Amino acid sequence: MSEHELVGRPIPWRETHPDAYAELKHTWGVIGHSSVLMVLSLSLIGTSLTLSYLHLPGWLETSVRLGASAAAVGCGAVGLWRLARALFRAGRALVRARRRGARDVPGEAAEGAEPEAAPVVGS
């Protein structure tokens, strides 16, 4: 018997579905990383916009602005891709956990039901 059964408390969801819990925990990490990438993207956009105030030569300003803009788009795209993929994986893990839980419940209900009568053997 587990500790929860001895005390009479329900078993926490994270202990009954460790794979889904691990995927959700990983998703929170990816959300944090994606947020950092988005902030970096915004700061690169701000850098690109403020370069016109520095009075640089035309070719240097253009190349730095294009580089900052490309980096901003790259960071934003990577952040959004990682976020979308992590949310999809977390959703899929939750659906799997729910399906496993749905399969387990009828088995438990069948144990409490009365057994069917066995067929009579003979003539």
PDB file of N, CA and C in Angstrom:
ATOM      1  N   MET A   1       0.835  -1.176   0.000  1.00  0.00           N
ATOM      2  CA  MET A   1       0.000   0.000   0.000  1.00  0.00           C
ATOM      3  C   MET A   1       0.884   1.246   0.000  1.00  0.00           C
ATOM      4  N   SER A   2       0.417   2.250  -0.691  1.00  0.00           N
ATOM      5  CA  SER A   2       1.170   3.494  -0.732  1.00  0.00           C
ATOM      6  C   SER A   2       0.840   4.337   0.495  1.00  0.00           C
ATOM      7  N   GLU A   3       1.634   5.370   0.685  1.00  0.00           N
ATOM      8  CA  GLU A   3       1.427   6.274   1.817  1.00  0.00           C
ATOM      9  C   GLU A   3       0.052   6.934   1.751  1.00  0.00           C
ATOM     10  N   HIS A   4      -0.396   7.271   0.550  1.00  0.00           N
ATOM     11  CA  HIS A   4      -1.682   7.956   0.386  1.00  0.00           C
ATOM     12  C   HIS A   4      -2.846   7.030   0.721  1.00  0.00           C
ATOM     13  N   GLU A   5      -2.716   5.758   0.368  1.00  0.00           N
ATOM     14  CA  GLU A   5      -3.794   4.816   0.683  1.00  0.00           C
ATOM     15  C   GLU A   5      -3.889   4.570   2.180  1.00  0.00           C
ATOM     16  N   LEU A   6      -2.740   4.554   2.878  1.00  0.00           N
ATOM     17  CA  LEU A   6      -2.747   4.331   4.320  1.00  0.00           C
ATOM     18  C   LEU A   6      -3.405   5.488   5.058  1.00  0.00           C
ATOM     19  N   VAL A   7      -3.147   6.712   4.614  1.00  0.00           N
ATOM     20  CA  VAL A   7      -3.697   7.891   5.277  1.00  0.00           C
ATOM     21  C   VAL A   7      -5.125   8.160   4.821  1.00  0.00           C
ATOM     22  N   GLY A   8      -5.487   7.689   3.652  1.00  0.00           N
ATOM     23  CA  GLY A   8      -6.829   7.911   3.135  1.00  0.00           C
ATOM     24  C   GLY A   8      -6.942   9.123   2.235  1.00  0.00           C
ATOM     25  N   ARG A   9      -5.821   9.707   1.842  1.00  0.00           N
ATOM     26  CA  ARG A   9      -5.837  10.862   0.948  1.00  0.00           C
ATOM     27  C   ARG A   9      -5.810  10.386  -0.505  1.00  0.00           C
ATOM     28  N   PRO A  10      -6.400  11.176  -1.402  1.00  0.00           N
ATOM     29  CA  PRO A  10      -6.325  10.817  -2.812  1.00  0.00           C
ATOM     30  C   PRO A  10      -4.892  10.987  -3.333  1.00  0.00           C
ATOM     31  N   ILE A  11      -4.531  10.190  -4.297  1.00  0.00           N
ATOM     32  CA  ILE A  11      -3.197  10.256  -4.887  1.00  0.00           C
ATOM     33  C   ILE A  11      -3.127  11.476  -5.801  1.00  0.00           C
ATOM     34  N   PRO A  12      -2.091  12.320  -5.654  1.00  0.00           N
ATOM     35  CA  PRO A  12      -1.986  13.509  -6.503  1.00  0.00           C
ATOM     36  C   PRO A  12      -1.867  13.135  -7.988  1.00  0.00           C
ATOM     37  N   TRP A  13      -2.366  14.038  -8.827  1.00  0.00           N
ATOM     38  CA  TRP A  13      -2.374  13.805 -10.272  1.00  0.00           C
ATOM     39  C   TRP A  13      -0.968  13.606 -10.804  1.00  0.00           C
ATOM     40  N   ARG A  14      -0.002  14.365 -10.284  1.00  0.00           N
ATOM     41  CA  ARG A  14       1.364  14.280 -10.806  1.00  0.00           C
ATOM     42  C   ARG A  14       2.000  12.933 -10.507  1.00  0.00           C
ATOM     43  N   GLU A  15       1.542  12.245  -9.464  1.00  0.00           N
ATOM     44  CA  GLU A  15       2.075  10.908  -9.173  1.00  0.00           C
ATOM     45  C   GLU A  15       1.384   9.827  -9.993  1.00  0.00           C
ATOM     46  N   THR A  16       0.141  10.044 -10.364  1.00  0.00           N
ATOM     47  CA  THR A  16      -0.549   9.055 -11.177  1.00  0.00           C
ATOM     48  C   THR A  16      -0.208   9.173 -12.657  1.00  0.00           C
ATOM     49  N   HIS A  17       0.228  10.383 -13.093  1.00  0.00           N
ATOM     50  CA  HIS A  17       0.590  10.618 -14.499  1.00  0.00           C
ATOM     51  C   HIS A  17       1.960  11.296 -14.567  1.00  0.00           C
ATOM     52  N   PRO A  18       3.027  10.561 -14.251  1.00  0.00           N
ATOM     53  CA  PRO A  18       4.348  11.212 -14.196  1.00  0.00           C
ATOM     54  C   PRO A  18       4.845  11.695 -15.554  1.00  0.00           C
ATOM     55  N   ASP A  19       4.470  11.002 -16.642  1.00  0.00           N
ATOM     56  CA  ASP A  19       4.935  11.439 -17.973  1.00  0.00           C
ATOM     57  C   ASP A  19       4.278  12.751 -18.383  1.00  0.00           C
ATOM     58  N   ALA A  20       3.000  12.904 -18.132  1.00  0.00           N
ATOM     59  CA  ALA A  20       2.312  14.153 -18.461  1.00  0.00           C
ATOM     60  C   ALA A  20       2.812  15.286 -17.567  1.00  0.00           C
ATOM     61  N   TYR A  21       3.073  14.990 -16.303  1.00  0.00           N
ATOM     62  CA  TYR A  21       3.595  16.011 -15.396  1.00  0.00           C
ATOM     63  C   TYR A  21       4.975  16.471 -15.847  1.00  0.00           C
ATOM     64  N   ALA A  22       5.822  15.539 -16.275  1.00  0.00           N
ATOM     65  CA  ALA A  22       7.159  15.903 -16.752  1.00  0.00           C
ATOM     66  C   ALA A  22       7.068  16.765 -18.006  1.00  0.00           C
ATOM     67  N   GLU A  23       6.128  16.451 -18.879  1.00  0.00           N
ATOM     68  CA  GLU A  23       5.963  17.246 -20.100  1.00  0.00           C
ATOM     69  C   GLU A  23       5.474  18.658 -19.769  1.00  0.00           C
ATOM     70  N   LEU A  24       4.566  18.777 -18.818  1.00  0.00           N
ATOM     71  CA  LEU A  24       4.102  20.108 -18.405  1.00  0.00           C
ATOM     72  C   LEU A  24       5.216  20.913 -17.744  1.00  0.00           C
ATOM     73  N   LYS A  25       6.032  20.246 -16.948  1.00  0.00           N
ATOM     74  CA  LYS A  25       7.147  20.918 -16.307  1.00  0.00           C
ATOM     75  C   LYS A  25       8.142  21.409 -17.358  1.00  0.00           C
ATOM     76  N   HIS A  26       8.396  20.582 -18.361  1.00  0.00           N
ATOM     77  CA  HIS A  26       9.281  20.976 -19.462  1.00  0.00           C
ATOM     78  C   HIS A  26       8.685  22.155 -20.230  1.00  0.00           C
ATOM     79  N   THR A  27       7.372  22.146 -20.400  1.00  0.00           N
ATOM     80  CA  THR A  27       6.701  23.227 -21.125  1.00  0.00           C
ATOM     81  C   THR A  27       6.897  24.557 -20.416  1.00  0.00           C
ATOM     82  N   TRP A  28       6.846  24.566 -19.084  1.00  0.00           N
ATOM     83  CA  TRP A  28       7.066  25.814 -18.352  1.00  0.00           C
ATOM     84  C   TRP A  28       8.466  26.346 -18.614  1.00  0.00           C
ATOM     85  N   GLY A  29       9.459  25.455 -18.689  1.00  0.00           N
ATOM     86  CA  GLY A  29      10.813  25.884 -19.006  1.00  0.00           C
ATOM     87  C   GLY A  29      10.918  26.476 -20.397  1.00  0.00           C
ATOM     88  N   VAL A  30      10.236  25.841 -21.349  1.00  0.00           N
ATOM     89  CA  VAL A  30      10.259  26.341 -22.722  1.00  0.00           C
ATOM     90  C   VAL A  30       9.543  27.684 -22.816  1.00  0.00           C
ATOM     91  N   ILE A  31       8.468  27.858 -22.061  1.00  0.00           N
ATOM     92  CA  ILE A  31       7.764  29.141 -22.058  1.00  0.00           C
ATOM     93  C   ILE A  31       8.698  30.244 -21.556  1.00  0.00           C
ATOM     94  N   GLY A  32       9.461  29.953 -20.520  1.00  0.00           N
ATOM     95  CA  GLY A  32      10.421  30.927 -20.018  1.00  0.00           C
ATOM     96  C   GLY A  32      11.490  31.252 -21.046  1.00  0.00           C
ATOM     97  N   HIS A  33      12.010  30.222 -21.703  1.00  0.00           N
ATOM     98  CA  HIS A  33      13.038  30.439 -22.726  1.00  0.00           C
ATOM     99  C   HIS A  33      12.466  31.217 -23.907  1.00  0.00           C
ATOM    100  N   SER A  34      11.261  30.889 -24.309  1.00  0.00           N
ATOM    101  CA  SER A  34      10.625  31.609 -25.421  1.00  0.00           C
ATOM    102  C   SER A  34      10.372  33.063 -25.053  1.00  0.00           C
ATOM    103  N   SER A  35      10.028  33.304 -23.807  1.00  0.00           N
ATOM    104  CA  SER A  35       9.819  34.690 -23.365  1.00  0.00           C
ATOM    105  C   SER A  35      11.114  35.493 -23.453  1.00  0.00           C
ATOM    106  N   VAL A  36      12.219  34.872 -23.088  1.00  0.00           N
ATOM    107  CA  VAL A  36      13.519  35.545 -23.202  1.00  0.00           C
ATOM    108  C   VAL A  36      13.823  35.854 -24.664  1.00  0.00           C
ATOM    109  N   LEU A  37      13.539  34.905 -25.543  1.00  0.00           N
ATOM    110  CA  LEU A  37      13.775  35.143 -26.963  1.00  0.00           C
ATOM    111  C   LEU A  37      12.895  36.265 -27.502  1.00  0.00           C
ATOM    112  N   MET A  38      11.661  36.337 -27.035  1.00  0.00           N
ATOM    113  CA  MET A  38      10.770  37.404 -27.483  1.00  0.00           C
ATOM    114  C   MET A  38      11.252  38.775 -26.994  1.00  0.00           C
ATOM    115  N   VAL A  39      11.715  38.848 -25.752  1.00  0.00           N
ATOM    116  CA  VAL A  39      12.244  40.108 -25.234  1.00  0.00           C
ATOM    117  C   VAL A  39      13.496  40.503 -25.998  1.00  0.00           C
ATOM    118  N   LEU A  40      14.343  39.534 -26.297  1.00  0.00           N
ATOM    119  CA  LEU A  40      15.531  39.821 -27.103  1.00  0.00           C
ATOM    120  C   LEU A  40      15.141  40.326 -28.482  1.00  0.00           C
ATOM    121  N   SER A  41      14.117  39.727 -29.057  1.00  0.00           N
ATOM    122  CA  SER A  41      13.636  40.164 -30.363  1.00  0.00           C
ATOM    123  C   SER A  41      13.143  41.608 -30.300  1.00  0.00           C
ATOM    124  N   LEU A  42      12.389  41.938 -29.263  1.00  0.00           N
ATOM    125  CA  LEU A  42      11.900  43.315 -29.124  1.00  0.00           C
ATOM    126  C   LEU A  42      13.042  44.306 -28.912  1.00  0.00           C
ATOM    127  N   SER A  43      14.045  43.897 -28.151  1.00  0.00           N
ATOM    128  CA  SER A  43      15.167  44.815 -27.937  1.00  0.00           C
ATOM    129  C   SER A  43      15.966  45.000 -29.224  1.00  0.00           C
ATOM    130  N   LEU A  44      16.067  43.960 -30.037  1.00  0.00           N
ATOM    131  CA  LEU A  44      16.744  44.105 -31.327  1.00  0.00           C
ATOM    132  C   LEU A  44      15.954  45.012 -32.268  1.00  0.00           C
ATOM    133  N   ILE A  45      14.638  44.928 -32.203  1.00  0.00           N
ATOM    134  CA  ILE A  45      13.812  45.833 -33.014  1.00  0.00           C
ATOM    135  C   ILE A  45      14.022  47.274 -32.555  1.00  0.00           C
ATOM    136  N   GLY A  46      14.056  47.470 -31.243  1.00  0.00           N
ATOM    137  CA  GLY A  46      14.325  48.812 -30.713  1.00  0.00           C
ATOM    138  C   GLY A  46      15.695  49.317 -31.117  1.00  0.00           C
ATOM    139  N   THR A  47      16.679  48.434 -31.111  1.00  0.00           N
ATOM    140  CA  THR A  47      18.019  48.808 -31.554  1.00  0.00           C
ATOM    141  C   THR A  47      18.006  49.218 -33.017  1.00  0.00           C
ATOM    142  N   SER A  48      17.305  48.451 -33.813  1.00  0.00           N
ATOM    143  CA  SER A  48      17.225  48.763 -35.239  1.00  0.00           C
ATOM    144  C   SER A  48      16.559  50.114 -35.478  1.00  0.00           C
ATOM    145  N   LEU A  49      15.542  50.416 -34.696  1.00  0.00           N
ATOM    146  CA  LEU A  49      14.831  51.685 -34.879  1.00  0.00           C
ATOM    147  C   LEU A  49      15.629  52.894 -34.397  1.00  0.00           C
ATOM    148  N   THR A  50      16.453  52.709 -33.375  1.00  0.00           N
ATOM    149  CA  THR A  50      17.193  53.857 -32.842  1.00  0.00           C
ATOM    150  C   THR A  50      18.518  54.105 -33.550  1.00  0.00           C
ATOM    151  N   LEU A  51      18.908  53.255 -34.471  1.00  0.00           N
ATOM    152  CA  LEU A  51      20.187  53.452 -35.164  1.00  0.00           C
ATOM    153  C   LEU A  51      20.216  54.719 -36.020  1.00  0.00           C
ATOM    154  N   SER A  52      19.089  55.195 -36.438  1.00  0.00           N
ATOM    155  CA  SER A  52      19.073  56.390 -37.292  1.00  0.00           C
ATOM    156  C   SER A  52      19.513  57.644 -36.527  1.00  0.00           C
ATOM    157  N   TYR A  53      19.483  57.609 -35.211  1.00  0.00           N
ATOM    158  CA  TYR A  53      19.889  58.771 -34.408  1.00  0.00           C
ATOM    159  C   TYR A  53      21.405  58.841 -34.188  1.00  0.00           C
ATOM    160  N   LEU A  54      22.159  57.808 -34.621  1.00  0.00           N
ATOM    161  CA  LEU A  54      23.591  57.760 -34.329  1.00  0.00           C
ATOM    162  C   LEU A  54      24.456  58.461 -35.369  1.00  0.00           C
ATOM    163  N   HIS A  55      23.903  58.889 -36.461  1.00  0.00           N
ATOM    164  CA  HIS A  55      24.642  59.574 -37.533  1.00  0.00           C
ATOM    165  C   HIS A  55      25.795  58.726 -38.060  1.00  0.00           C
ATOM    166  N   LEU A  56      25.516  57.483 -38.379  1.00  0.00           N
ATOM    167  CA  LEU A  56      26.508  56.588 -38.978  1.00  0.00           C
ATOM    168  C   LEU A  56      26.507  56.776 -40.492  1.00  0.00           C
ATOM    169  N   PRO A  57      27.565  56.347 -41.174  1.00  0.00           N
ATOM    170  CA  PRO A  57      27.526  56.360 -42.641  1.00  0.00           C
ATOM    171  C   PRO A  57      26.359  55.505 -43.139  1.00  0.00           C
ATOM    172  N   GLY A  58      25.843  55.849 -44.286  1.00  0.00           N
ATOM    173  CA  GLY A  58      24.649  55.186 -44.825  1.00  0.00           C
ATOM    174  C   GLY A  58      24.770  53.681 -44.957  1.00  0.00           C
ATOM    175  N   TRP A  59      25.879  53.203 -45.504  1.00  0.00           N
ATOM    176  CA  TRP A  59      26.025  51.763 -45.713  1.00  0.00           C
ATOM    177  C   TRP A  59      26.141  51.023 -44.380  1.00  0.00           C
ATOM    178  N   LEU A  60      26.798  51.611 -43.395  1.00  0.00           N
ATOM    179  CA  LEU A  60      26.942  50.967 -42.089  1.00  0.00           C
ATOM    180  C   LEU A  60      25.600  50.921 -41.363  1.00  0.00           C
ATOM    181  N   GLU A  61      24.883  52.019 -41.408  1.00  0.00           N
ATOM    182  CA  GLU A  61      23.569  52.047 -40.763  1.00  0.00           C
ATOM    183  C   GLU A  61      22.636  51.015 -41.389  1.00  0.00           C
ATOM    184  N   THR A  62      22.646  50.941 -42.714  1.00  0.00           N
ATOM    185  CA  THR A  62      21.776  49.994 -43.407  1.00  0.00           C
ATOM    186  C   THR A  62      22.132  48.554 -43.058  1.00  0.00           C
ATOM    187  N   SER A  63      23.417  48.243 -43.070  1.00  0.00           N
ATOM    188  CA  SER A  63      23.808  46.855 -42.794  1.00  0.00           C
ATOM    189  C   SER A  63      23.531  46.478 -41.334  1.00  0.00           C
ATOM    190  N   VAL A  64      23.760  47.397 -40.399  1.00  0.00           N
ATOM    191  CA  VAL A  64      23.479  47.099 -38.991  1.00  0.00           C
ATOM    192  C   VAL A  64      21.978  46.971 -38.758  1.00  0.00           C
ATOM    193  N   ARG A  65      21.194  47.830 -39.396  1.00  0.00           N
ATOM    194  CA  ARG A  65      19.728  47.727 -39.264  1.00  0.00           C
ATOM    195  C   ARG A  65      19.225  46.412 -39.834  1.00  0.00           C
ATOM    196  N   LEU A  66      19.734  46.016 -40.996  1.00  0.00           N
ATOM    197  CA  LEU A  66      19.307  44.740 -41.576  1.00  0.00           C
ATOM    198  C   LEU A  66      19.720  43.564 -40.693  1.00  0.00           C
ATOM    199  N   GLY A  67      20.931  43.632 -40.145  1.00  0.00           N
ATOM    200  CA  GLY A  67      21.380  42.563 -39.251  1.00  0.00           C
ATOM    201  C   GLY A  67      20.533  42.466 -37.998  1.00  0.00           C
ATOM    202  N   ALA A  68      20.235  43.618 -37.390  1.00  0.00           N
ATOM    203  CA  ALA A  68      19.405  43.617 -36.178  1.00  0.00           C
ATOM    204  C   ALA A  68      17.993  43.148 -36.478  1.00  0.00           C
ATOM    205  N   SER A  69      17.465  43.568 -37.624  1.00  0.00           N
ATOM    206  CA  SER A  69      16.111  43.133 -37.996  1.00  0.00           C
ATOM    207  C   SER A  69      16.070  41.638 -38.273  1.00  0.00           C
ATOM    208  N   ALA A  70      17.076  41.125 -38.971  1.00  0.00           N
ATOM    209  CA  ALA A  70      17.125  39.681 -39.246  1.00  0.00           C
ATOM    210  C   ALA A  70      17.263  38.887 -37.949  1.00  0.00           C
ATOM    211  N   ALA A  71      18.100  39.373 -37.026  1.00  0.00           N
ATOM    212  CA  ALA A  71      18.248  38.693 -35.743  1.00  0.00           C
ATOM    213  C   ALA A  71      16.945  38.736 -34.948  1.00  0.00           C
ATOM    214  N   ALA A  72      16.234  39.852 -35.013  1.00  0.00           N
ATOM    215  CA  ALA A  72      14.958  39.970 -34.304  1.00  0.00           C
ATOM    216  C   ALA A  72      13.937  38.984 -34.868  1.00  0.00           C
ATOM    217  N   VAL A  73      13.872  38.911 -36.184  1.00  0.00           N
ATOM    218  CA  VAL A  73      12.934  37.964 -36.809  1.00  0.00           C
ATOM    219  C   VAL A  73      13.325  36.531 -36.466  1.00  0.00           C
ATOM    220  N   GLY A  74      14.623  36.228 -36.478  1.00  0.00           N
ATOM    221  CA  GLY A  74      15.081  34.882 -36.137  1.00  0.00           C
ATOM    222  C   GLY A  74      14.760  34.506 -34.707  1.00  0.00           C
ATOM    223  N   CYS A  75      15.034  35.424 -33.775  1.00  0.00           N
ATOM    224  CA  CYS A  75      14.732  35.143 -32.364  1.00  0.00           C
ATOM    225  C   CYS A  75      13.231  34.976 -32.146  1.00  0.00           C
ATOM    226  N   GLY A  76      12.456  35.834 -32.762  1.00  0.00           N
ATOM    227  CA  GLY A  76      11.004  35.720 -32.623  1.00  0.00           C
ATOM    228  C   GLY A  76      10.466  34.430 -33.210  1.00  0.00           C
ATOM    229  N   ALA A  77      10.990  34.042 -34.379  1.00  0.00           N
ATOM    230  CA  ALA A  77      10.521  32.809 -35.018  1.00  0.00           C
ATOM    231  C   ALA A  77      10.889  31.581 -34.192  1.00  0.00           C
ATOM    232  N   VAL A  78      12.116  31.551 -33.684  1.00  0.00           N
ATOM    233  CA  VAL A  78      12.540  30.412 -32.858  1.00  0.00           C
ATOM    234  C   VAL A  78      11.709  30.358 -31.572  1.00  0.00           C
ATOM    235  N   GLY A  79      11.491  31.514 -30.954  1.00  0.00           N
ATOM    236  CA  GLY A  79      10.688  31.542 -29.734  1.00  0.00           C
ATOM    237  C   GLY A  79       9.262  31.074 -29.958  1.00  0.00           C
ATOM    238  N   LEU A  80       8.641  31.554 -31.023  1.00  0.00           N
ATOM    239  CA  LEU A  80       7.269  31.118 -31.324  1.00  0.00           C
ATOM    240  C   LEU A  80       7.207  29.642 -31.683  1.00  0.00           C
ATOM    241  N   TRP A  81       8.179  29.153 -32.442  1.00  0.00           N
ATOM    242  CA  TRP A  81       8.191  27.744 -32.829  1.00  0.00           C
ATOM    243  C   TRP A  81       8.341  26.857 -31.605  1.00  0.00           C
ATOM    244  N   ARG A  82       9.282  27.199 -30.728  1.00  0.00           N
ATOM    245  CA  ARG A  82       9.482  26.396 -29.521  1.00  0.00           C
ATOM    246  C   ARG A  82       8.245  26.424 -28.621  1.00  0.00           C
ATOM    247  N   LEU A  83       7.627  27.586 -28.520  1.00  0.00           N
ATOM    248  CA  LEU A  83       6.431  27.716 -27.691  1.00  0.00           C
ATOM    249  C   LEU A  83       5.275  26.890 -28.258  1.00  0.00           C
ATOM    250  N   ALA A  84       5.038  26.998 -29.551  1.00  0.00           N
ATOM    251  CA  ALA A  84       3.942  26.242 -30.169  1.00  0.00           C
ATOM    252  C   ALA A  84       4.185  24.743 -30.051  1.00  0.00           C
ATOM    253  N   ARG A  85       5.417  24.320 -30.281  1.00  0.00           N
ATOM    254  CA  ARG A  85       5.723  22.891 -30.190  1.00  0.00           C
ATOM    255  C   ARG A  85       5.566  22.380 -28.767  1.00  0.00           C
ATOM    256  N   ALA A  86       6.023  23.150 -27.781  1.00  0.00           N
ATOM    257  CA  ALA A  86       5.903  22.721 -26.388  1.00  0.00           C
ATOM    258  C   ALA A  86       4.444  22.653 -25.952  1.00  0.00           C
ATOM    259  N   LEU A  87       3.645  23.640 -26.361  1.00  0.00           N
ATOM    260  CA  LEU A  87       2.223  23.607 -26.005  1.00  0.00           C
ATOM    261  C   LEU A  87       1.509  22.439 -26.666  1.00  0.00           C
ATOM    262  N   PHE A  88       1.871  22.127 -27.904  1.00  0.00           N
ATOM    263  CA  PHE A  88       1.276  20.977 -28.582  1.00  0.00           C
ATOM    264  C   PHE A  88       1.653  19.681 -27.861  1.00  0.00           C
ATOM    265  N   ARG A  89       2.925  19.540 -27.491  1.00  0.00           N
ATOM    266  CA  ARG A  89       3.368  18.327 -26.806  1.00  0.00           C
ATOM    267  C   ARG A  89       2.705  18.191 -25.443  1.00  0.00           C
ATOM    268  N   ALA A  90       2.540  19.312 -24.729  1.00  0.00           N
ATOM    269  CA  ALA A  90       1.885  19.265 -23.422  1.00  0.00           C
ATOM    270  C   ALA A  90       0.414  18.881 -23.576  1.00  0.00           C
ATOM    271  N   GLY A  91      -0.241  19.444 -24.563  1.00  0.00           N
ATOM    272  CA  GLY A  91      -1.636  19.079 -24.824  1.00  0.00           C
ATOM    273  C   GLY A  91      -1.787  17.619 -25.177  1.00  0.00           C
ATOM    274  N   ARG A  92      -0.869  17.127 -25.994  1.00  0.00           N
ATOM    275  CA  ARG A  92      -0.903  15.707 -26.372  1.00  0.00           C
ATOM    276  C   ARG A  92      -0.673  14.813 -25.156  1.00  0.00           C
ATOM    277  N   ALA A  93       0.245  15.210 -24.263  1.00  0.00           N
ATOM    278  CA  ALA A  93       0.495  14.425 -23.052  1.00  0.00           C
ATOM    279  C   ALA A  93      -0.727  14.421 -22.138  1.00  0.00           C
ATOM    280  N   LEU A  94      -1.420  15.552 -22.048  1.00  0.00           N
ATOM    281  CA  LEU A  94      -2.633  15.608 -21.230  1.00  0.00           C
ATOM    282  C   LEU A  94      -3.737  14.732 -21.803  1.00  0.00           C
ATOM    283  N   VAL A  95      -3.872  14.732 -23.125  1.00  0.00           N
ATOM    284  CA  VAL A  95      -4.887  13.882 -23.759  1.00  0.00           C
ATOM    285  C   VAL A  95      -4.558  12.414 -23.516  1.00  0.00           C
ATOM    286  N   ARG A  96      -3.289  12.051 -23.630  1.00  0.00           N
ATOM    287  CA  ARG A  96      -2.895  10.661 -23.364  1.00  0.00           C
ATOM    288  C   ARG A  96      -3.197  10.277 -21.925  1.00  0.00           C
ATOM    289  N   ALA A  97      -2.887  11.177 -20.990  1.00  0.00           N
ATOM    290  CA  ALA A  97      -3.150  10.887 -19.578  1.00  0.00           C
ATOM    291  C   ALA A  97      -4.646  10.734 -19.331  1.00  0.00           C
ATOM    292  N   ARG A  98      -5.448  11.582 -19.968  1.00  0.00           N
ATOM    293  CA  ARG A  98      -6.900  11.482 -19.807  1.00  0.00           C
ATOM    294  C   ARG A  98      -7.419  10.173 -20.388  1.00  0.00           C
ATOM    295  N   ARG A  99      -6.871   9.769 -21.552  1.00  0.00           N
ATOM    296  CA  ARG A  99      -7.313   8.498 -22.149  1.00  0.00           C
ATOM    297  C   ARG A  99      -6.930   7.317 -21.276  1.00  0.00           C
ATOM    298  N   ARG A 100      -5.721   7.366 -20.721  1.00  0.00           N
ATOM    299  CA  ARG A 100      -5.309   6.281 -19.822  1.00  0.00           C
ATOM    300  C   ARG A 100      -6.199   6.242 -18.593  1.00  0.00           C
ATOM    301  N   GLY A 101      -6.545   7.406 -18.080  1.00  0.00           N
ATOM    302  CA  GLY A 101      -7.438   7.471 -16.925  1.00  0.00           C
ATOM    303  C   GLY A 101      -8.825   6.960 -17.259  1.00  0.00           C
ATOM    304  N   ALA A 102      -9.303   7.247 -18.479  1.00  0.00           N
ATOM    305  CA  ALA A 102     -10.623   6.772 -18.899  1.00  0.00           C
ATOM    306  C   ALA A 102     -10.620   5.262 -19.074  1.00  0.00           C
ATOM    307  N   ARG A 103      -9.500   4.709 -19.510  1.00  0.00           N
ATOM    308  CA  ARG A 103      -9.423   3.257 -19.656  1.00  0.00           C
ATOM    309  C   ARG A 103      -9.362   2.570 -18.305  1.00  0.00           C
ATOM    310  N   ASP A 104      -8.747   3.218 -17.315  1.00  0.00           N
ATOM    311  CA  ASP A 104      -8.624   2.614 -15.992  1.00  0.00           C
ATOM    312  C   ASP A 104      -9.933   2.636 -15.223  1.00  0.00           C
ATOM    313  N   VAL A 105     -10.753   3.665 -15.411  1.00  0.00           N
ATOM    314  CA  VAL A 105     -11.993   3.808 -14.648  1.00  0.00           C
ATOM    315  C   VAL A 105     -12.985   2.685 -14.935  1.00  0.00           C
ATOM    316  N   PRO A 106     -13.266   2.313 -16.212  1.00  0.00           N
ATOM    317  CA  PRO A 106     -14.203   1.208 -16.412  1.00  0.00           C
ATOM    318  C   PRO A 106     -13.713  -0.097 -15.814  1.00  0.00           C
ATOM    319  N   GLY A 107     -12.414  -0.316 -15.770  1.00  0.00           N
ATOM    320  CA  GLY A 107     -11.877  -1.534 -15.160  1.00  0.00           C
ATOM    321  C   GLY A 107     -12.173  -1.570 -13.675  1.00  0.00           C
ATOM    322  N   GLU A 108     -12.074  -0.413 -13.020  1.00  0.00           N
ATOM    323  CA  GLU A 108     -12.369  -0.352 -11.594  1.00  0.00           C
ATOM    324  C   GLU A 108     -13.862  -0.521 -11.342  1.00  0.00           C
ATOM    325  N   ALA A 109     -14.677   0.020 -12.238  1.00  0.00           N
ATOM    326  CA  ALA A 109     -16.128  -0.115 -12.064  1.00  0.00           C
ATOM    327  C   ALA A 109     -16.555  -1.555 -12.296  1.00  0.00           C
ATOM    328  N   ALA A 110     -15.867  -2.242 -13.185  1.00  0.00           N
ATOM    329  CA  ALA A 110     -16.234  -3.634 -13.472  1.00  0.00           C
ATOM    330  C   ALA A 110     -15.884  -4.547 -12.297  1.00  0.00           C
ATOM    331  N   GLU A 111     -14.889  -4.187 -11.500  1.00  0.00           N
ATOM    332  CA  GLU A 111     -14.525  -5.012 -10.353  1.00  0.00           C
ATOM    333  C   GLU A 111     -15.624  -4.996  -9.295  1.00  0.00           C
ATOM    334  N   GLY A 112     -16.299  -3.869  -9.167  1.00  0.00           N
ATOM    335  CA  GLY A 112     -17.348  -3.759  -8.166  1.00  0.00           C
ATOM    336  C   GLY A 112     -18.679  -4.345  -8.633  1.00  0.00           C
ATOM    337  N   ALA A 113     -18.804  -4.597  -9.931  1.00  0.00           N
ATOM    338  CA  ALA A 113     -20.063  -5.126 -10.465  1.00  0.00           C
ATOM    339  C   ALA A 113     -20.193  -6.609 -10.123  1.00  0.00           C
ATOM    340  N   GLU A 114     -21.427  -7.070 -10.166  1.00  0.00           N
ATOM    341  CA  GLU A 114     -21.659  -8.478  -9.876  1.00  0.00           C
ATOM    342  C   GLU A 114     -21.194  -9.318 -11.059  1.00  0.00           C
ATOM    343  N   PRO A 115     -20.600 -10.485 -10.792  1.00  0.00           N
ATOM    344  CA  PRO A 115     -20.142 -11.330 -11.902  1.00  0.00           C
ATOM    345  C   PRO A 115     -21.331 -11.930 -12.648  1.00  0.00           C
ATOM    346  N   GLU A 116     -21.116 -12.151 -13.943  1.00  0.00           N
ATOM    347  CA  GLU A 116     -22.166 -12.745 -14.768  1.00  0.00           C
ATOM    348  C   GLU A 116     -22.259 -14.237 -14.453  1.00  0.00           C
ATOM    349  N   ALA A 117     -23.434 -14.770 -14.684  1.00  0.00           N
ATOM    350  CA  ALA A 117     -23.622 -16.190 -14.432  1.00  0.00           C
ATOM    351  C   ALA A 117     -22.869 -16.999 -15.480  1.00  0.00           C
ATOM    352  N   ALA A 118     -22.200 -18.062 -15.011  1.00  0.00           N
ATOM    353  CA  ALA A 118     -21.464 -18.917 -15.934  1.00  0.00           C
ATOM    354  C   ALA A 118     -22.435 -19.816 -16.690  1.00  0.00           C
ATOM    355  N   PRO A 119     -22.142 -20.095 -17.946  1.00  0.00           N
ATOM    356  CA  PRO A 119     -23.039 -20.970 -18.702  1.00  0.00           C
ATOM    357  C   PRO A 119     -23.057 -22.383 -18.101  1.00  0.00           C
ATOM    358  N   VAL A 120     -24.192 -23.018 -18.173  1.00  0.00           N
ATOM    359  CA  VAL A 120     -24.346 -24.366 -17.629  1.00  0.00           C
ATOM    360  C   VAL A 120     -23.771 -25.356 -18.636  1.00  0.00           C
ATOM    361  N   VAL A 121     -22.876 -26.214 -18.145  1.00  0.00           N
ATOM    362  CA  VAL A 121     -22.272 -27.195 -19.020  1.00  0.00           C
ATOM    363  C   VAL A 121     -23.036 -28.507 -18.839  1.00  0.00           C
ATOM    364  N   GLY A 122     -23.337 -29.107 -19.920  1.00  0.00           N
ATOM    365  CA  GLY A 122     -24.047 -30.389 -19.860  1.00  0.00           C
ATOM    366  C   GLY A 122     -25.241 -30.399 -20.786  1.00  0.00           C
ATOM    367  N   SER A 123     -26.005 -31.519 -20.751  1.00  0.00           N
ATOM    368  CA  SER A 123     -27.125 -31.641 -21.654  1.00  0.00           C
ATOM    369  C   SER A 123     -28.424 -31.349 -21.057  1.00  0.00           C
TER     370      SER A 123
END
